[in-house]
């Protein structure tokens, strides 16, 4: 069962773990450092029925069956116990181990499919591009993590497989999208390339991103003030992403020239245009 105690500041949860059971049924890997209980604080003053249901499911399950989430579910505070298994995140009694390294490498190298994106001339509308973005994001996260943990060769293999199965003519790295989501994900893929030491692929991704982002900024700059206003946020984000590419190149290609690391602001802005209305 889940034991919940209340204090003035927060709600603390403790989920007991049957260590023998989770090792026997494959919930954890042989080399995992299994905790005796999941301990976490619920960062909410009010809990809704759907959130209570999540906790009830976990309590009733007692580690007998896998529990997966489609995203990094942090609303109830147990995000430290979610581990990426590809496109999903599994609840495991292992703290701060965000990627199931050996499992995810095998599946993403040999099992994942890309919906014919490696065949020339296949068209993907906005909804299908959204699903491909999810794949690119998963490969970025997995490769970046492997690279940071001494497995750069495996990281490069993942990145190269993702790239070879997503032809640029079908699914380019730089592409206009809502909230710049497409280019943001490609930026993360670019960073994973740098962290893995795959400079050739990094240069390819960087070229595609720069071309799209610069075209967006050029289009914005030729508009009058009234036309610019609705695009102000998106263009500001494009300008910030261009700066991010420059910062990455300095960090990974010219590290001796980097003096300080300045993270991009959370909300990019664009300077007000001084153009007169046409």
Protein backbone atom coordinates (compact mmCIF):
# COMPACT_ATOMS: atom_id res chain seq x y z
CA UNK A 1 0.00 0.00 0.00
CA UNK A 2 0.95 3.66 -0.27
CA UNK A 3 1.44 5.35 3.07
CA UNK A 4 0.73 9.06 3.05
CA UNK A 5 1.42 11.38 5.91
CA UNK A 6 0.64 15.08 5.99
CA UNK A 7 2.61 17.96 7.36
CA UNK A 8 2.38 21.71 7.00
CA UNK A 9 4.58 21.94 3.93
CA UNK A 10 3.73 19.00 1.70
CA UNK A 11 2.37 15.47 1.26
CA UNK A 12 4.97 12.74 1.60
CA UNK A 13 4.46 9.35 -0.05
CA UNK A 14 6.19 6.07 0.65
CA UNK A 15 5.69 3.11 -1.70
CA UNK A 16 7.12 -0.18 -0.33
CA UNK A 17 9.16 -2.34 -2.72
CA UNK A 18 9.32 -6.13 -2.70
CA UNK A 19 12.94 -6.35 -3.81
CA UNK A 20 12.81 -10.09 -4.48
CA UNK A 21 9.69 -9.75 -6.64
CA UNK A 22 10.97 -6.87 -8.79
CA UNK A 23 14.15 -8.81 -9.53
CA UNK A 24 12.29 -12.02 -10.33
CA UNK A 25 9.69 -10.49 -12.66
CA UNK A 26 12.10 -8.27 -14.61
CA UNK A 27 10.94 -4.91 -13.28
CA UNK A 28 14.60 -4.05 -12.69
CA UNK A 29 17.88 -5.10 -14.26
CA UNK A 30 20.34 -7.43 -12.56
CA UNK A 31 22.80 -4.64 -11.84
CA UNK A 32 20.22 -2.10 -10.61
CA UNK A 33 20.53 -0.60 -7.15
CA UNK A 34 16.97 -1.24 -5.96
CA UNK A 35 15.52 0.96 -3.21
CA UNK A 36 13.46 -0.51 -0.40
CA UNK A 37 10.75 2.13 -0.87
CA UNK A 38 9.91 4.97 -3.23
CA UNK A 39 10.04 8.20 -1.23
CA UNK A 40 8.72 11.40 -2.79
CA UNK A 41 6.84 14.58 -2.01
CA UNK A 42 3.64 15.44 -3.86
CA UNK A 43 4.17 19.05 -5.03
CA UNK A 44 0.49 19.94 -4.98
CA UNK A 45 -1.94 21.57 -2.59
CA UNK A 46 -4.94 19.99 -4.31
CA UNK A 47 -5.11 16.50 -5.82
CA UNK A 48 -7.73 15.66 -8.43
CA UNK A 49 -9.48 12.33 -8.92
CA UNK A 50 -7.39 11.35 -11.93
CA UNK A 51 -4.21 11.95 -9.93
CA UNK A 52 -5.53 9.96 -6.98
CA UNK A 53 -6.30 7.18 -9.45
CA UNK A 54 -2.67 7.08 -10.56
CA UNK A 55 -1.53 6.58 -6.97
CA UNK A 56 -4.23 3.97 -6.39
CA UNK A 57 -3.12 2.02 -9.46
CA UNK A 58 0.47 2.02 -8.21
CA UNK A 59 -0.66 0.94 -4.74
CA UNK A 60 -2.88 -1.88 -5.98
CA UNK A 61 -0.31 -3.15 -8.46
CA UNK A 62 2.33 -3.96 -5.83
CA UNK A 63 4.99 -4.23 -8.57
CA UNK A 64 3.27 -7.23 -10.18
CA UNK A 65 2.80 -5.63 -13.62
CA UNK A 66 4.67 -2.92 -15.54
CA UNK A 67 3.39 0.65 -15.17
CA UNK A 68 4.30 2.98 -18.03
CA UNK A 69 3.79 6.66 -18.84
CA UNK A 70 3.93 8.27 -22.27
CA UNK A 71 5.85 11.30 -20.97
CA UNK A 72 8.08 12.31 -18.07
CA UNK A 73 5.21 12.51 -15.61
CA UNK A 74 6.34 14.85 -12.83
CA UNK A 75 2.98 16.09 -11.54
CA UNK A 76 2.94 13.81 -8.49
CA UNK A 77 6.61 13.97 -7.60
CA UNK A 78 7.85 10.48 -8.51
CA UNK A 79 9.67 11.57 -11.68
CA UNK A 80 13.01 10.40 -10.24
CA UNK A 81 11.71 6.81 -10.50
CA UNK A 82 10.63 6.95 -14.15
CA UNK A 83 13.07 5.37 -16.59
CA UNK A 84 12.95 5.74 -20.37
CA UNK A 85 12.45 2.46 -22.18
CA UNK A 86 12.26 3.95 -25.67
CA UNK A 87 9.14 6.01 -26.31
CA UNK A 88 7.73 5.32 -22.85
CA UNK A 89 8.76 5.80 -19.24
CA UNK A 90 8.50 2.91 -16.78
CA UNK A 91 8.03 3.26 -13.05
CA UNK A 92 10.93 1.41 -11.41
CA UNK A 93 12.25 1.22 -7.83
CA UNK A 94 15.55 2.72 -8.93
CA UNK A 95 16.25 6.38 -8.22
CA UNK A 96 17.73 8.87 -10.68
CA UNK A 97 18.46 6.42 -13.50
CA UNK A 98 16.57 8.07 -16.38
CA UNK A 99 17.61 5.75 -19.23
CA UNK A 100 17.46 1.94 -19.36
CA UNK A 101 20.77 1.82 -21.21
CA UNK A 102 21.27 -1.75 -22.47
CA UNK A 103 17.57 -2.36 -23.07
CA UNK A 104 16.95 0.89 -24.89
CA UNK A 105 20.02 0.50 -27.12
CA UNK A 106 18.95 -2.93 -28.31
CA UNK A 107 15.35 -1.88 -29.02
CA UNK A 108 16.18 1.42 -30.71
CA UNK A 109 18.87 -0.14 -32.87
CA UNK A 110 16.99 -3.29 -33.90
CA UNK A 111 13.27 -2.91 -33.24
CA UNK A 112 12.19 0.68 -33.88
CA UNK A 113 10.56 1.49 -37.24
CA UNK A 114 10.25 4.85 -38.97
CA UNK A 115 7.12 4.58 -41.07
CA UNK A 116 8.88 4.53 -44.47
CA UNK A 117 10.55 7.87 -43.79
CA UNK A 118 13.71 6.41 -45.33
CA UNK A 119 11.97 6.03 -48.70
CA UNK A 120 12.25 9.01 -51.08
CA UNK A 121 9.08 10.93 -51.82
CA UNK A 122 6.97 9.87 -48.83
CA UNK A 123 4.88 12.83 -47.62
CA UNK A 124 4.24 13.51 -43.93
CA UNK A 125 1.56 15.97 -42.88
CA UNK A 126 1.75 17.98 -39.67
CA UNK A 127 0.23 15.26 -37.48
CA UNK A 128 2.59 12.56 -38.77
CA UNK A 129 5.55 14.91 -38.42
CA UNK A 130 4.60 15.29 -34.77
CA UNK A 131 5.02 11.54 -34.27
CA UNK A 132 8.36 11.53 -36.07
CA UNK A 133 9.49 14.39 -33.83
CA UNK A 134 8.78 12.13 -30.86
CA UNK A 135 11.08 9.50 -32.36
CA UNK A 136 13.84 12.04 -32.98
CA UNK A 137 13.49 13.28 -29.41
CA UNK A 138 13.75 9.75 -28.00
CA UNK A 139 16.95 9.11 -29.95
CA UNK A 140 18.36 12.46 -28.82
CA UNK A 141 17.74 11.72 -25.15
CA UNK A 142 19.08 8.18 -25.31
CA UNK A 143 22.18 9.08 -27.31
CA UNK A 144 23.01 12.08 -25.16
CA UNK A 145 22.76 10.01 -22.00
CA UNK A 146 24.90 7.19 -23.39
CA UNK A 147 27.52 9.68 -24.56
CA UNK A 148 27.69 11.24 -21.10
CA UNK A 149 28.19 7.79 -19.55
CA UNK A 150 31.18 6.67 -21.57
CA UNK A 151 29.32 4.98 -24.41
CA UNK A 152 29.97 7.36 -27.28
CA UNK A 153 30.20 4.62 -29.90
CA UNK A 154 26.73 3.39 -29.00
CA UNK A 155 25.47 6.97 -28.96
CA UNK A 156 26.83 7.56 -32.47
CA UNK A 157 25.18 4.36 -33.68
CA UNK A 158 21.79 5.53 -32.43
CA UNK A 159 22.14 8.98 -33.95
CA UNK A 160 23.30 7.62 -37.30
CA UNK A 161 20.43 5.13 -37.42
CA UNK A 162 17.90 7.84 -36.72
CA UNK A 163 19.44 10.09 -39.36
CA UNK A 164 19.62 7.40 -42.05
CA UNK A 165 15.97 6.45 -41.50
CA UNK A 166 14.67 10.02 -41.75
CA UNK A 167 15.57 11.40 -45.17
CA UNK A 168 15.97 15.16 -45.24
CA UNK A 169 13.64 15.47 -48.22
CA UNK A 170 10.90 13.80 -46.16
CA UNK A 171 11.66 15.15 -42.70
CA UNK A 172 14.29 17.90 -42.59
CA UNK A 173 16.07 19.02 -39.44
CA UNK A 174 14.93 22.60 -39.94
CA UNK A 175 11.20 23.15 -40.46
CA UNK A 176 8.62 25.75 -39.45
CA UNK A 177 6.21 24.40 -36.84
CA UNK A 178 3.96 25.48 -34.00
CA UNK A 179 5.96 26.96 -31.12
CA UNK A 180 9.17 26.06 -33.02
CA UNK A 181 8.77 22.52 -31.66
CA UNK A 182 10.39 20.91 -34.69
CA UNK A 183 13.52 23.06 -34.50
CA UNK A 184 13.74 22.76 -30.72
CA UNK A 185 13.86 18.97 -30.99
CA UNK A 186 16.46 19.16 -33.76
CA UNK A 187 18.52 21.41 -31.50
CA UNK A 188 18.51 18.66 -28.90
CA UNK A 189 19.50 16.16 -31.56
CA UNK A 190 22.35 18.51 -32.55
CA UNK A 191 23.56 18.71 -28.97
CA UNK A 192 23.49 14.91 -28.71
CA UNK A 193 25.67 14.74 -31.85
CA UNK A 194 28.22 17.06 -30.28
CA UNK A 195 28.21 15.18 -26.97
CA UNK A 196 28.75 11.90 -28.84
CA UNK A 197 31.57 13.38 -30.89
CA UNK A 198 29.80 12.89 -34.24
CA UNK A 199 31.01 16.12 -35.85
CA UNK A 200 29.98 15.12 -39.38
CA UNK A 201 26.36 14.57 -38.43
CA UNK A 202 26.43 17.65 -36.22
CA UNK A 203 27.48 19.77 -39.21
CA UNK A 204 24.62 18.33 -41.28
CA UNK A 205 22.03 19.05 -38.58
CA UNK A 206 23.44 22.53 -37.99
CA UNK A 207 23.23 23.44 -41.69
CA UNK A 208 19.60 22.38 -41.90
CA UNK A 209 18.65 24.25 -38.75
CA UNK A 210 20.48 27.44 -39.68
CA UNK A 211 18.88 27.55 -43.11
CA UNK A 212 15.34 27.28 -41.76
CA UNK A 213 15.83 29.66 -38.82
CA UNK A 214 17.55 32.30 -40.93
CA UNK A 215 14.78 32.12 -43.51
CA UNK A 216 12.23 32.70 -40.75
CA UNK A 217 14.10 35.75 -39.48
CA UNK A 218 14.57 37.15 -43.00
CA UNK A 219 10.86 36.77 -43.73
CA UNK A 220 9.95 38.53 -40.51
CA UNK A 221 12.34 41.43 -41.14
CA UNK A 222 10.80 42.26 -44.52
CA UNK A 223 7.31 42.69 -43.03
CA UNK A 224 5.86 45.95 -41.79
CA UNK A 225 5.05 46.54 -38.12
CA UNK A 226 1.45 45.34 -38.29
CA UNK A 227 2.46 42.15 -40.09
CA UNK A 228 5.32 41.48 -37.69
CA UNK A 229 3.28 41.61 -34.50
CA UNK A 230 1.55 38.17 -34.76
CA UNK A 231 4.91 36.50 -35.50
CA UNK A 232 6.90 38.27 -32.82
CA UNK A 233 7.18 35.38 -30.38
CA UNK A 234 7.97 32.72 -32.98
CA UNK A 235 10.63 34.90 -34.59
CA UNK A 236 12.15 35.69 -31.22
CA UNK A 237 12.43 31.98 -30.58
CA UNK A 238 14.06 31.50 -34.00
CA UNK A 239 16.64 34.18 -33.18
CA UNK A 240 17.32 32.56 -29.83
CA UNK A 241 17.80 29.16 -31.45
CA UNK A 242 20.31 30.66 -33.87
CA UNK A 243 22.24 32.00 -30.89
CA UNK A 244 22.02 28.57 -29.32
CA UNK A 245 23.66 26.99 -32.38
CA UNK A 246 26.51 29.51 -32.12
CA UNK A 247 26.93 28.76 -28.42
CA UNK A 248 27.05 25.03 -29.07
CA UNK A 249 29.69 25.44 -31.74
CA UNK A 250 31.79 27.53 -29.38
CA UNK A 251 31.36 25.02 -26.57
CA UNK A 252 32.10 21.86 -28.53
CA UNK A 253 34.23 23.00 -31.48
CA UNK A 254 36.16 25.88 -29.94
CA UNK A 255 36.14 25.19 -26.18
CA UNK A 256 39.35 27.14 -25.55
CA UNK A 257 37.57 30.32 -26.65
CA UNK A 258 34.63 29.87 -24.25
CA UNK A 259 34.88 32.07 -21.17
CA UNK A 260 31.43 31.72 -19.66
CA UNK A 261 28.38 29.64 -20.42
CA UNK A 262 25.25 31.75 -20.67
CA UNK A 263 22.00 29.74 -20.84
CA UNK A 264 19.31 31.09 -23.19
CA UNK A 265 16.45 32.98 -21.54
CA UNK A 266 13.28 31.04 -20.84
CA UNK A 267 11.14 33.39 -22.92
CA UNK A 268 12.90 34.71 -26.04
CA UNK A 269 12.03 38.20 -27.17
CA UNK A 270 12.54 40.26 -30.31
CA UNK A 271 13.51 43.88 -30.36
CA UNK A 272 10.74 46.18 -31.53
CA UNK A 273 10.99 46.97 -35.22
CA UNK A 274 11.66 50.56 -36.21
CA UNK A 275 10.16 50.17 -39.66
CA UNK A 276 7.42 52.47 -40.68
CA UNK A 277 4.12 51.10 -41.83
CA UNK A 278 3.74 50.70 -45.55
